[in-house]
Protein backbone atom coordinates (compact mmCIF):
# COMPACT_ATOMS: atom_id res chain seq x y z
CA MET A 1 -76.70 3.52 74.16
CA PRO A 2 -76.25 1.03 71.33
CA ASN A 3 -78.94 0.86 68.62
CA ASN A 4 -80.43 4.17 69.92
CA LEU A 5 -81.85 2.45 72.96
CA VAL A 6 -83.48 4.61 75.62
CA TYR A 7 -82.63 3.89 79.35
CA TYR A 8 -84.47 5.18 82.39
CA HIS A 9 -84.07 4.27 86.10
CA ILE A 10 -86.47 6.11 88.42
CA LYS A 11 -86.34 5.58 92.14
CA THR A 12 -88.47 7.05 94.87
CA THR A 13 -86.97 10.00 96.71
CA ASN A 14 -88.94 9.21 99.85
CA PRO A 15 -88.04 5.73 101.15
CA LEU A 16 -90.20 4.34 103.96
CA LYS A 17 -87.98 4.27 107.03
CA LYS A 18 -89.20 4.33 110.54
CA ASN A 19 -85.78 5.38 111.84
CA ALA A 20 -82.15 5.43 110.81
CA THR A 21 -81.56 1.84 111.93
CA TYR A 22 -84.62 0.40 110.15
CA SER A 23 -83.71 -1.30 106.89
CA GLU A 24 -86.42 -1.40 104.22
CA PHE A 25 -87.28 -4.77 102.75
CA LYS A 26 -89.05 -5.82 99.54
CA ASN A 27 -92.68 -6.68 99.95
CA ARG A 28 -92.67 -8.97 96.90
CA PRO A 29 -90.33 -10.05 94.10
CA ASP A 30 -89.60 -7.62 91.23
CA LEU A 31 -91.99 -7.62 88.31
CA VAL A 32 -89.99 -7.95 85.05
CA CYS A 33 -90.96 -8.04 81.40
CA ASP A 34 -88.07 -8.63 78.99
CA ASN A 35 -88.47 -8.97 75.24
CA LEU A 36 -85.55 -6.77 74.30
CA ASP A 37 -83.38 -7.93 71.45
CA ILE A 38 -80.03 -6.11 72.01
CA SER A 39 -78.73 -7.03 68.57
CA THR A 40 -81.57 -5.21 66.77
CA GLY A 41 -82.59 -2.71 69.47
CA LYS A 42 -86.19 -3.73 69.23
CA GLY A 43 -88.43 -4.62 72.20
CA HIS A 44 -88.49 -3.53 75.80
CA TYR A 45 -87.09 -4.37 79.22
CA ILE A 46 -88.98 -3.08 82.23
CA ARG A 47 -88.64 -3.84 85.92
CA PHE A 48 -90.71 -2.62 88.86
CA SER A 49 -89.45 -3.11 92.35
CA PHE A 50 -91.56 -2.68 95.47
CA ASN A 51 -91.10 -1.32 98.90
CA SER A 52 -92.06 -2.83 102.25
CA ILE A 53 -95.75 -1.91 101.88
CA GLY A 54 -96.08 -3.05 98.29
CA LEU A 55 -95.84 0.34 96.57
CA ILE A 56 -93.62 0.77 93.49
CA ASP A 57 -90.14 1.81 94.69
CA SER A 58 -88.32 1.99 91.42
CA VAL A 59 -88.81 1.50 87.71
CA THR A 60 -86.04 0.52 85.23
CA TYR A 61 -86.75 0.69 81.53
CA MET A 62 -84.69 0.09 78.37
CA GLY A 63 -86.20 0.00 74.91
CA HIS A 64 -86.43 1.69 71.53
CA GLU A 65 -89.28 4.07 72.48
CA GLU A 66 -89.21 7.08 74.77
CA VAL A 67 -91.63 6.92 77.68
CA ILE A 68 -93.87 9.88 78.14
CA LEU A 69 -94.77 10.58 81.75
């Protein structure tokens, strides 16, 4: 990544599906915080997406710090 940025995309491995024909929908809009300055590599971008019952379905992160889980 440019400017030594760190990128993560973590998605659930257990989607909520009643059956094979059921398509999951988002319970609410994505929650996004973006103060990343690409030219300097400072700041963060993080996005949480939610599943049909409002639980976090995926997390996307880009920034100059590693995230410790």
